[in-house]
Amino acid sequence: MLSSEKLKISILLFISFLLFYALQIPNYTSKPDVIVFAIRSLAEKPITDFAYLPQNTLLSGNALPNYHLGHTIILWLVYQIVPLDYSATIWTSGFISSISGALIVVFTFLIWLTLGFNKKKSITIAIVVGLIPSFWEQSVIGEVYALQFLFILLFVFAFIKDHILLSSLFFAYSNLVSPLSGLAFGLIFLKGFDKKIIQKSIIVGTLALIIYGIVYVLIGANLMDLLNPLSTEPEGRGVSYRFIAFVFFIILNFNFFLYHLIKGMIFTLKDIRKISLTLILATIPQILLIFAGATFFIELGSFQLPVFWALAFPLGYYISSVKINKYYFGLALIIAVSLSYTLWIRTNVVVGKEREDAGKWLRINDLNNLTVIGPWSVGVSVIKGRDGSNLNALKNFYIEKSCPKNCDIEKTKKEELIIASAKKIPLRVALSKLKLDGLQIEEYNPIKEITTGTVKKIYENESVTLFKWEK
């Protein structure tokens, strides 16, 4: 049981960050998988056979298996009980993430407190975690990663408290939200690294694996299908690109506090070497896969959150241990939060709105019954803008295919199509001038690419261009 003081601090942290996150939940988002999660939750029962889009929306290949089963179940259950006004929006899925994000802050505080750090250090580290843009963003949008990392922390906290069965259940569930949770298993050794702890960790890992397997067998899924997304093909992105991308994410997340982060890493390696080395070793799997250029790099949340959670420790520990110029610190905090909002949260809102505006234009101009073909990143948002949160519209009027060619158009067997083409944000365009593998931007223009039938541009804004194809 928590003491009265610990409970009060935990409640204060939870309420503060829940309000901070929930008040920012956008009514739209540029994250297409968030939209699909919300739309799929309107089905009569939880969809367990595919992760995002069903087979009939794909021109080739297989639909990804549902490796987000844990998130799917929770999302579906919550959508069944919310008021009707929220049952057709992504607000509900965003609120689940906000609750998860606030609890991440709470359990970060409790983990470090339980490991022997004082209240000031534990609270500071927890607050740093809550304000890191990666955690901030994932706690606002209705993605799976805030929920996933919450269960990772629950798994670590239960293990530290010697609740072996509970730790196994939490770890199994985190993997049911995303199987990449398994990469964070090394965090279990924050408790230490002796013979008894190793034995208990083996028990936890084994039980979690058995539970995970039983769940997928019970729903009739083929466990081997879950390995399909784990391709390590480099996608044409060289090591230079991946290194710059990784450093760029570090800068975006810590910007004005990079100095404190570097000082903190040096400080903690000297002051609390064992914990610091454990965090480094526990996050090596994520860093290695990032630099391996795995196709699963699309699962950014699964890779980022454990790394940034680990980096929050030396930053928070250092800030709470040394005297810092309060004027500089206050100004840096204000600028950092403003920068994070501008580059992360607001960008999602603006891009998402523009893509949905394109869909609304289609509806206004009586183009409701035409199938939209285009990349996942934009097509789903266009469909939602035109047809709302309608699972049948997504199944019947969307085909996922980036940069379709003549052969793709023929495969659709349609007389008319709307071709959606995503436009890159200005920052990406500027970075493309660095001439690095993976950064080049190839402008897709169906008027030049498609020679069968006729193609004409019908709509354009800052985020998307729509073309109409007729046979």
Protein backbone atom coordinates (compact mmCIF):
# COMPACT_ATOMS: atom_id res chain seq x y z
CA MET A 1 0.00 0.00 0.00
CA LEU A 2 1.13 3.55 -0.69
CA SER A 3 1.70 5.87 2.23
CA SER A 4 -0.58 8.89 2.54
CA GLU A 5 2.12 11.26 1.23
CA LYS A 6 3.04 9.04 -1.73
CA LEU A 7 -0.64 8.68 -2.59
CA LYS A 8 -1.20 12.46 -2.50
CA ILE A 9 1.82 13.09 -4.76
CA SER A 10 0.70 10.34 -7.15
CA ILE A 11 -2.84 11.75 -7.37
CA LEU A 12 -1.52 15.29 -7.92
CA LEU A 13 0.83 14.12 -10.71
CA PHE A 14 -1.95 12.07 -12.32
CA ILE A 15 -4.56 14.84 -12.32
CA SER A 16 -2.10 17.52 -13.46
CA PHE A 17 -0.80 15.55 -16.44
CA LEU A 18 -4.20 14.11 -17.34
CA LEU A 19 -5.57 17.64 -17.66
CA PHE A 20 -2.44 18.80 -19.50
CA TYR A 21 -2.79 16.01 -22.07
CA ALA A 22 -6.57 15.68 -22.34
CA LEU A 23 -7.16 19.37 -23.01
CA GLN A 24 -4.92 19.09 -26.08
CA ILE A 25 -6.59 16.06 -27.66
CA PRO A 26 -7.29 17.15 -31.24
CA ASN A 27 -10.55 16.40 -33.02
CA TYR A 28 -8.51 15.22 -36.00
CA THR A 29 -5.01 13.92 -36.55
CA SER A 30 -2.51 13.26 -39.31
CA LYS A 31 -1.93 9.80 -37.85
CA PRO A 32 -3.96 7.48 -40.09
CA ASP A 33 -3.60 4.45 -37.83
CA VAL A 34 -5.22 6.45 -35.01
CA ILE A 35 -8.22 7.11 -37.25
CA VAL A 36 -8.46 3.44 -38.21
CA PHE A 37 -8.24 2.30 -34.59
CA ALA A 38 -11.16 4.60 -33.72
CA ILE A 39 -13.23 3.58 -36.75
CA ARG A 40 -12.61 -0.13 -36.13
CA SER A 41 -13.90 0.27 -32.60
CA LEU A 42 -17.34 0.99 -34.07
CA ALA A 43 -17.59 -2.62 -35.28
CA GLU A 44 -20.04 -5.01 -33.58
CA LYS A 45 -17.17 -6.94 -31.99
CA PRO A 46 -13.41 -6.40 -31.62
CA ILE A 47 -11.57 -6.94 -34.89
CA THR A 48 -8.78 -9.38 -34.15
CA ASP A 49 -7.72 -10.62 -37.57
CA PHE A 50 -5.93 -7.57 -39.02
CA ALA A 51 -3.98 -4.69 -37.52
CA TYR A 52 -5.10 -1.81 -39.74
CA LEU A 53 -6.77 -2.40 -43.09
CA PRO A 54 -8.55 -5.57 -44.30
CA GLN A 55 -7.41 -7.60 -47.28
CA ASN A 56 -9.89 -6.04 -49.71
CA THR A 57 -8.27 -2.59 -49.33
CA LEU A 58 -4.90 -3.90 -50.55
CA LEU A 59 -3.94 -4.47 -54.18
CA SER A 60 -1.30 -7.01 -53.23
CA GLY A 61 0.23 -8.63 -50.18
CA ASN A 62 -1.46 -9.68 -46.96
CA ALA A 63 -3.16 -7.59 -44.34
CA LEU A 64 -0.95 -7.20 -41.27
CA PRO A 65 -2.06 -9.45 -38.38
CA ASN A 66 -3.40 -7.74 -35.29
CA TYR A 67 -0.27 -7.42 -33.17
CA HIS A 68 -2.02 -4.61 -31.23
CA LEU A 69 -4.63 -6.95 -29.75
CA GLY A 70 -4.36 -5.56 -26.19
CA HIS A 71 -5.05 -2.01 -27.41
CA THR A 72 -7.84 -3.18 -29.71
CA ILE A 73 -9.76 -4.83 -26.86
CA ILE A 74 -9.49 -1.87 -24.48
CA LEU A 75 -10.37 0.62 -27.21
CA TRP A 76 -13.39 -1.39 -28.35
CA LEU A 77 -14.69 -1.78 -24.77
CA VAL A 78 -14.35 1.93 -24.01
CA TYR A 79 -16.06 2.94 -27.26
CA GLN A 80 -19.07 0.81 -26.28
CA ILE A 81 -19.69 2.82 -23.10
CA VAL A 82 -18.88 6.43 -24.08
CA PRO A 83 -21.72 8.86 -24.93
CA LEU A 84 -22.85 8.85 -28.55
CA ASP A 85 -21.32 12.29 -29.14
CA TYR A 86 -17.85 10.76 -28.67
CA SER A 87 -18.42 7.30 -30.17
CA ALA A 88 -17.66 8.45 -33.73
CA THR A 89 -14.61 10.59 -32.96
CA ILE A 90 -10.97 9.92 -32.15
CA TRP A 91 -11.33 11.89 -28.90
CA THR A 92 -12.06 8.68 -27.01
CA SER A 93 -8.91 6.92 -28.20
CA GLY A 94 -6.92 10.05 -27.39
CA PHE A 95 -8.35 10.08 -23.86
CA ILE A 96 -7.18 6.51 -23.29
CA SER A 97 -3.69 7.66 -24.26
CA SER A 98 -3.97 10.66 -21.92
CA ILE A 99 -4.88 8.44 -18.98
CA SER A 100 -1.99 6.13 -19.89
CA GLY A 101 0.44 9.05 -20.20
CA ALA A 102 -0.57 10.47 -16.82
CA LEU A 103 -0.12 7.03 -15.24
CA ILE A 104 3.32 6.73 -16.89
CA VAL A 105 4.33 9.86 -14.97
CA VAL A 106 2.93 8.41 -11.74
CA PHE A 107 4.66 5.04 -12.06
CA THR A 108 7.92 6.68 -13.10
CA PHE A 109 7.76 8.53 -9.76
CA LEU A 110 6.90 5.34 -7.85
CA ILE A 111 9.61 3.23 -9.53
CA TRP A 112 12.43 5.64 -8.69
CA LEU A 113 11.05 6.20 -5.21
CA THR A 114 10.88 2.45 -4.59
CA LEU A 115 14.45 2.06 -5.86
CA GLY A 116 15.63 4.37 -3.07
CA PHE A 117 15.71 7.84 -4.62
CA ASN A 118 14.29 10.74 -2.63
CA LYS A 119 11.00 12.47 -3.40
CA LYS A 120 12.57 15.49 -5.08
CA LYS A 121 14.60 13.40 -7.54
CA SER A 122 11.74 10.98 -8.22
CA ILE A 123 9.22 13.78 -8.85
CA THR A 124 11.65 15.71 -11.08
CA ILE A 125 12.44 12.65 -13.21
CA ALA A 126 8.72 11.88 -13.52
CA ILE A 127 7.89 15.44 -14.63
CA VAL A 128 10.73 15.36 -17.17
CA VAL A 129 9.22 12.16 -18.63
CA GLY A 130 5.78 13.78 -18.89
CA LEU A 131 7.14 16.79 -20.78
CA ILE A 132 9.41 14.94 -23.22
CA PRO A 133 7.75 15.58 -26.62
CA SER A 134 7.68 11.88 -27.57
CA PHE A 135 5.69 11.04 -24.42
CA TRP A 136 3.69 14.25 -24.73
CA GLU A 137 2.61 13.46 -28.29
CA GLN A 138 1.81 9.81 -27.60
CA SER A 139 -0.31 10.91 -24.62
CA VAL A 140 -2.40 13.22 -26.81
CA ILE A 141 -3.02 11.13 -29.92
CA GLY A 142 -4.95 7.86 -29.76
CA GLU A 143 -2.01 5.60 -30.63
CA VAL A 144 -1.02 2.35 -28.90
CA TYR A 145 2.34 3.40 -27.46
CA ALA A 146 1.32 5.26 -24.31
CA LEU A 147 -0.77 2.26 -23.26
CA GLN A 148 2.07 -0.08 -24.22
CA PHE A 149 4.69 1.76 -22.18
CA LEU A 150 2.33 2.06 -19.21
CA PHE A 151 2.17 -1.73 -19.02
CA ILE A 152 5.95 -1.96 -19.38
CA LEU A 153 6.30 0.27 -16.31
CA LEU A 154 3.63 -1.73 -14.47
CA PHE A 155 5.64 -4.87 -15.26
CA VAL A 156 8.85 -3.27 -13.90
CA PHE A 157 7.12 -1.84 -10.80
CA ALA A 158 5.43 -5.17 -9.95
CA PHE A 159 8.77 -6.98 -10.30
CA ILE A 160 10.53 -4.48 -8.03
CA LYS A 161 7.77 -5.13 -5.46
CA ASP A 162 8.25 -8.93 -5.85
CA HIS A 163 4.81 -9.55 -7.38
CA ILE A 164 6.04 -12.16 -9.87
CA LEU A 165 2.68 -13.32 -11.27
CA LEU A 166 1.41 -9.76 -11.61
CA SER A 167 4.66 -8.74 -13.31
CA SER A 168 4.23 -11.62 -15.79
CA LEU A 169 0.65 -10.59 -16.57
CA PHE A 170 1.64 -6.96 -17.14
CA PHE A 171 4.55 -7.94 -19.38
CA ALA A 172 2.36 -10.31 -21.39
CA TYR A 173 -0.24 -7.57 -21.82
CA SER A 174 2.35 -4.99 -22.89
CA ASN A 175 3.38 -7.42 -25.64
CA LEU A 176 -0.27 -7.91 -26.61
CA VAL A 177 -0.40 -4.14 -27.14
CA SER A 178 2.82 -4.34 -29.19
CA PRO A 179 5.21 -7.32 -29.35
CA LEU A 180 8.13 -4.89 -29.45
CA SER A 181 7.55 -4.46 -25.71
CA GLY A 182 9.77 -7.51 -25.38
CA LEU A 183 12.75 -5.32 -26.23
CA ALA A 184 12.26 -3.48 -22.93
CA PHE A 185 12.68 -6.62 -20.81
CA GLY A 186 16.11 -5.44 -19.63
CA LEU A 187 14.44 -2.73 -17.50
CA ILE A 188 13.57 -5.53 -15.07
CA PHE A 189 17.20 -5.46 -13.88
CA LEU A 190 16.81 -1.98 -12.41
CA LYS A 191 16.15 -3.96 -9.23
CA GLY A 192 19.61 -5.50 -9.43
CA PHE A 193 21.50 -8.33 -11.06
CA ASP A 194 22.09 -11.21 -8.67
CA LYS A 195 21.26 -14.90 -8.94
CA LYS A 196 17.80 -14.65 -7.35
CA ILE A 197 16.76 -11.72 -9.53
CA ILE A 198 17.94 -13.52 -12.69
CA GLN A 199 15.94 -16.62 -11.68
CA LYS A 200 12.80 -14.54 -11.02
CA SER A 201 13.25 -12.68 -14.32
CA ILE A 202 13.37 -16.01 -16.19
CA ILE A 203 10.14 -17.06 -14.48
CA VAL A 204 8.46 -13.76 -15.42
CA GLY A 205 9.61 -13.97 -19.04
CA THR A 206 8.54 -17.61 -19.40
CA LEU A 207 5.10 -17.06 -17.84
CA ALA A 208 4.54 -13.97 -19.99
CA LEU A 209 5.44 -15.90 -23.15
CA ILE A 210 3.05 -18.73 -22.23
CA ILE A 211 0.20 -16.28 -21.52
CA TYR A 212 0.91 -14.44 -24.78
CA GLY A 213 0.82 -17.69 -26.77
CA ILE A 214 -2.37 -18.94 -25.11
CA VAL A 215 -4.23 -15.70 -25.92
CA TYR A 216 -3.37 -15.86 -29.62
CA VAL A 217 -4.23 -19.56 -29.82
CA LEU A 218 -7.61 -18.88 -28.17
CA ILE A 219 -8.55 -16.23 -30.74
CA GLY A 220 -7.54 -18.57 -33.56
CA ALA A 221 -4.62 -16.49 -34.83
CA ASN A 222 -1.45 -17.91 -36.32
CA LEU A 223 1.39 -16.80 -34.05
CA MET A 224 3.90 -17.12 -36.89
CA ASP A 225 2.04 -14.39 -38.81
CA LEU A 226 3.17 -11.93 -36.15
CA LEU A 227 6.73 -12.30 -37.41
CA ASN A 228 5.83 -10.88 -40.83
CA PRO A 229 6.30 -7.20 -39.91
CA LEU A 230 9.70 -7.89 -38.35
CA SER A 231 11.60 -7.54 -41.60
CA THR A 232 15.01 -5.91 -41.31
CA GLU A 233 15.25 -4.68 -44.88
CA PRO A 234 16.85 -1.22 -44.85
CA GLU A 235 14.22 0.52 -47.04
CA GLY A 236 16.94 2.39 -48.92
CA ARG A 237 17.86 4.45 -45.88
CA GLY A 238 21.57 4.44 -45.21
CA VAL A 239 23.37 4.48 -41.86
CA SER A 240 24.03 8.22 -42.28
CA TYR A 241 20.31 8.89 -42.60
CA ARG A 242 19.49 6.77 -39.55
CA PHE A 243 22.19 8.42 -37.47
CA ILE A 244 21.00 11.92 -38.40
CA ALA A 245 17.37 10.92 -37.76
CA PHE A 246 18.28 9.55 -34.32
CA VAL A 247 20.30 12.63 -33.34
CA PHE A 248 17.52 14.86 -34.69
CA PHE A 249 14.98 13.10 -32.46
CA ILE A 250 17.27 13.55 -29.46
CA ILE A 251 17.57 17.27 -30.22
CA LEU A 252 13.80 17.65 -30.72
CA ASN A 253 13.07 15.89 -27.45
CA PHE A 254 15.63 17.63 -25.28
CA ASN A 255 16.50 20.81 -27.29
CA PHE A 256 17.34 23.50 -24.69
CA PHE A 257 18.18 20.87 -22.09
CA LEU A 258 20.84 19.04 -24.12
CA TYR A 259 23.53 20.62 -21.95
CA HIS A 260 21.80 19.40 -18.78
CA LEU A 261 21.31 15.96 -20.36
CA ILE A 262 25.00 15.56 -21.24
CA LYS A 263 26.07 16.83 -17.82
CA GLY A 264 23.52 14.52 -16.22
CA MET A 265 24.81 11.46 -18.09
CA ILE A 266 28.36 12.17 -16.91
CA PHE A 267 27.11 12.96 -13.38
CA THR A 268 25.00 9.79 -13.00
CA LEU A 269 27.68 7.51 -14.47
CA LYS A 270 29.94 8.67 -11.65
CA ASP A 271 27.34 8.95 -8.89
CA ILE A 272 25.06 5.94 -9.52
CA ARG A 273 26.95 3.83 -12.02
CA LYS A 274 24.96 0.61 -11.64
CA ILE A 275 21.56 2.17 -12.46
CA SER A 276 23.03 4.18 -15.33
CA LEU A 277 24.66 1.13 -16.94
CA THR A 278 21.44 -0.88 -16.52
CA LEU A 279 19.48 1.81 -18.41
CA ILE A 280 22.09 1.87 -21.17
CA LEU A 281 22.13 -1.92 -21.57
CA ALA A 282 18.32 -2.13 -21.38
CA THR A 283 17.87 0.27 -24.30
CA ILE A 284 20.59 -1.14 -26.58
CA PRO A 285 18.06 -3.42 -28.42
CA GLN A 286 15.95 -0.42 -29.48
CA ILE A 287 18.96 1.59 -30.59
CA LEU A 288 20.42 -1.33 -32.56
CA LEU A 289 17.16 -1.93 -34.42
CA ILE A 290 16.88 1.77 -35.23
CA PHE A 291 20.34 1.68 -36.81
CA ALA A 292 19.56 -1.63 -38.50
CA GLY A 293 16.89 0.28 -40.42
CA ALA A 294 14.24 -2.32 -39.66
CA THR A 295 10.97 -2.05 -41.53
CA PHE A 296 9.40 -1.98 -38.07
CA PHE A 297 11.00 1.45 -37.66
CA ILE A 298 7.47 2.61 -38.46
CA GLU A 299 6.69 1.57 -34.88
CA LEU A 300 8.47 4.70 -33.65
CA GLY A 301 6.73 4.73 -30.28
CA SER A 302 7.97 1.26 -29.38
CA PHE A 303 11.56 2.31 -30.10
CA GLN A 304 11.50 5.87 -28.82
CA LEU A 305 9.69 5.71 -25.49
CA PRO A 306 12.02 3.29 -23.64
CA VAL A 307 15.08 5.23 -24.90
CA PHE A 308 13.71 8.62 -23.90
CA TRP A 309 12.43 7.27 -20.58
CA ALA A 310 15.97 6.11 -19.86
CA LEU A 311 17.42 9.48 -20.91
CA ALA A 312 14.95 11.30 -18.64
CA PHE A 313 16.68 9.73 -15.64
CA PRO A 314 20.10 11.47 -15.91
CA LEU A 315 18.41 14.74 -16.92
CA GLY A 316 15.97 14.74 -14.01
CA TYR A 317 18.55 13.46 -11.55
CA TYR A 318 21.02 16.20 -12.51
CA ILE A 319 18.43 19.01 -12.44
CA SER A 320 17.31 17.96 -8.96
CA SER A 321 20.88 17.57 -7.65
CA VAL A 322 22.63 20.80 -8.61
CA LYS A 323 21.88 24.49 -8.31
CA ILE A 324 20.63 25.84 -11.63
CA ASN A 325 20.14 29.44 -12.68
CA LYS A 326 16.38 29.72 -12.22
CA TYR A 327 15.96 32.51 -14.76
CA TYR A 328 17.75 30.61 -17.50
CA PHE A 329 15.97 27.41 -16.56
CA GLY A 330 12.52 29.05 -16.56
CA LEU A 331 13.09 30.69 -19.94
CA ALA A 332 14.50 27.46 -21.39
CA LEU A 333 11.49 25.50 -20.14
CA ILE A 334 9.01 27.94 -21.68
CA ILE A 335 10.82 27.95 -25.03
CA ALA A 336 11.24 24.15 -25.01
CA VAL A 337 7.53 23.55 -24.33
CA SER A 338 6.54 26.11 -26.99
CA LEU A 339 8.91 24.54 -29.52
CA SER A 340 7.62 21.06 -28.75
CA TYR A 341 4.03 22.17 -29.24
CA THR A 342 4.85 23.93 -32.51
CA LEU A 343 6.90 21.09 -34.04
CA TRP A 344 4.92 18.12 -32.72
CA ILE A 345 1.38 18.67 -31.54
CA ARG A 346 0.30 21.60 -33.74
CA THR A 347 1.83 20.02 -36.86
CA ASN A 348 -0.33 16.93 -36.41
CA VAL A 349 -3.43 19.04 -35.98
CA VAL A 350 -2.76 21.25 -39.03
CA VAL A 351 -1.74 18.42 -41.38
CA GLY A 352 -4.66 16.26 -40.24
CA LYS A 353 -7.15 19.08 -40.78
CA GLU A 354 -5.85 19.81 -44.28
CA ARG A 355 -6.10 16.16 -45.30
CA GLU A 356 -9.63 15.90 -43.94
CA ASP A 357 -10.51 19.18 -45.65
CA ALA A 358 -9.64 17.48 -48.94
CA GLY A 359 -12.15 14.76 -48.09
CA LYS A 360 -14.80 17.33 -47.20
CA TRP A 361 -14.23 18.98 -50.60
CA LEU A 362 -14.97 15.63 -52.26
CA ARG A 363 -18.24 15.35 -50.34
CA ILE A 364 -19.33 18.89 -51.15
CA ASN A 365 -18.64 18.28 -54.85
CA ASP A 366 -20.67 15.04 -54.96
CA LEU A 367 -17.69 12.71 -55.29
CA ASN A 368 -18.83 10.49 -52.42
CA ASN A 369 -19.06 7.21 -54.29
CA LEU A 370 -15.63 7.22 -55.91
CA THR A 371 -12.93 4.99 -54.46
CA VAL A 372 -9.84 6.78 -53.15
CA ILE A 373 -6.44 5.24 -53.93
CA GLY A 374 -3.27 6.52 -52.33
CA PRO A 375 -0.73 6.08 -49.54
CA TRP A 376 -1.79 5.09 -46.05
CA SER A 377 -0.43 8.39 -44.70
CA VAL A 378 -3.05 10.48 -46.47
CA GLY A 379 -5.78 8.25 -47.94
CA VAL A 380 -7.34 7.26 -44.62
CA SER A 381 -7.62 10.90 -43.51
CA VAL A 382 -9.24 11.87 -46.81
CA ILE A 383 -11.80 9.08 -46.44
CA LYS A 384 -12.61 10.19 -42.89
CA GLY A 385 -13.02 13.78 -44.03
CA ARG A 386 -15.41 12.72 -46.76
CA ASP A 387 -17.33 9.85 -45.10
CA GLY A 388 -16.76 10.37 -41.37
CA SER A 389 -16.01 7.56 -38.93
CA ASN A 390 -17.49 4.88 -41.14
CA LEU A 391 -15.92 1.44 -41.12
CA ASN A 392 -17.80 0.39 -44.26
CA ALA A 393 -16.59 3.47 -46.16
CA LEU A 394 -13.01 2.56 -45.31
CA LYS A 395 -13.54 -1.02 -46.47
CA ASN A 396 -15.46 -0.18 -49.63
CA PHE A 397 -13.99 3.11 -50.83
CA TYR A 398 -10.28 3.03 -50.05
CA ILE A 399 -7.36 1.21 -51.71
CA GLU A 400 -3.94 1.49 -50.08
CA LYS A 401 -1.26 2.04 -52.71
CA SER A 402 1.48 4.67 -52.75
CA CYS A 403 2.30 6.16 -56.15
CA PRO A 404 -0.02 3.90 -58.20
CA LYS A 405 1.03 3.03 -61.74
CA ASN A 406 -0.89 1.80 -64.80
CA CYS A 407 -0.90 -1.79 -63.61
CA ASP A 408 -2.26 -0.77 -60.19
CA ILE A 409 -5.06 1.26 -61.75
CA GLU A 410 -6.02 -1.72 -63.92
CA LYS A 411 -6.09 -4.05 -60.89
CA THR A 412 -8.74 -1.92 -59.21
CA LYS A 413 -11.20 -2.69 -62.06
CA LYS A 414 -12.78 0.74 -61.54
CA GLU A 415 -14.13 3.16 -64.13
CA GLU A 416 -13.22 6.22 -62.03
CA LEU A 417 -10.87 6.84 -59.11
CA ILE A 418 -9.69 9.63 -56.84
CA ILE A 419 -5.89 9.51 -56.55
CA ALA A 420 -4.57 11.06 -53.32
CA SER A 421 -0.96 12.23 -53.24
CA ALA A 422 0.70 13.37 -50.00
CA LYS A 423 2.74 16.56 -50.01
CA LYS A 424 5.83 16.74 -47.81
CA ILE A 425 6.07 19.29 -45.04
CA PRO A 426 8.56 22.15 -45.69
CA LEU A 427 11.07 20.81 -43.12
CA ARG A 428 11.29 17.48 -44.95
CA VAL A 429 11.76 19.31 -48.25
CA ALA A 430 14.62 21.34 -46.75
CA LEU A 431 16.29 18.22 -45.32
CA SER A 432 16.11 16.49 -48.71
CA LYS A 433 18.76 18.91 -49.96
CA LEU A 434 21.36 17.12 -47.79
CA LYS A 435 21.60 14.44 -50.52
CA LEU A 436 21.51 11.50 -48.08
CA ASP A 437 20.05 8.09 -48.91
CA GLY A 438 16.47 7.97 -47.72
CA LEU A 439 15.98 11.74 -47.57
CA GLN A 440 15.36 12.37 -51.25
CA ILE A 441 11.85 13.44 -52.15
CA GLU A 442 10.40 12.08 -55.36
CA GLU A 443 7.38 14.10 -56.39
CA TYR A 444 4.62 11.77 -57.54
CA ASN A 445 2.55 13.15 -60.37
CA PRO A 446 -0.06 10.69 -61.69
CA ILE A 447 -0.59 12.87 -64.77
CA LYS A 448 2.94 11.85 -65.86
CA GLU A 449 2.92 8.31 -64.42
CA ILE A 450 -0.48 7.04 -65.60
CA THR A 451 -0.98 6.83 -69.34
CA THR A 452 -4.11 4.72 -69.43
CA GLY A 453 -7.30 6.79 -69.31
CA THR A 454 -7.24 10.47 -68.34
CA VAL A 455 -5.96 12.12 -65.14
CA LYS A 456 -6.61 15.70 -64.01
CA LYS A 457 -5.87 17.63 -60.83
CA ILE A 458 -9.05 18.58 -58.99
CA TYR A 459 -7.90 19.82 -55.55
CA GLU A 460 -4.75 20.92 -53.75
CA ASN A 461 -3.74 22.31 -50.36
CA GLU A 462 -0.51 22.35 -48.33
CA SER A 463 -0.71 18.66 -47.34
CA VAL A 464 -2.44 16.77 -50.15
CA THR A 465 -3.20 16.86 -53.86
CA LEU A 466 -6.24 15.07 -55.32
CA PHE A 467 -6.50 13.86 -58.90
CA LYS A 468 -9.45 12.31 -60.71
CA TRP A 469 -8.82 9.35 -63.04
CA GLU A 470 -11.32 8.21 -65.64
CA LYS A 471 -11.01 5.14 -67.82
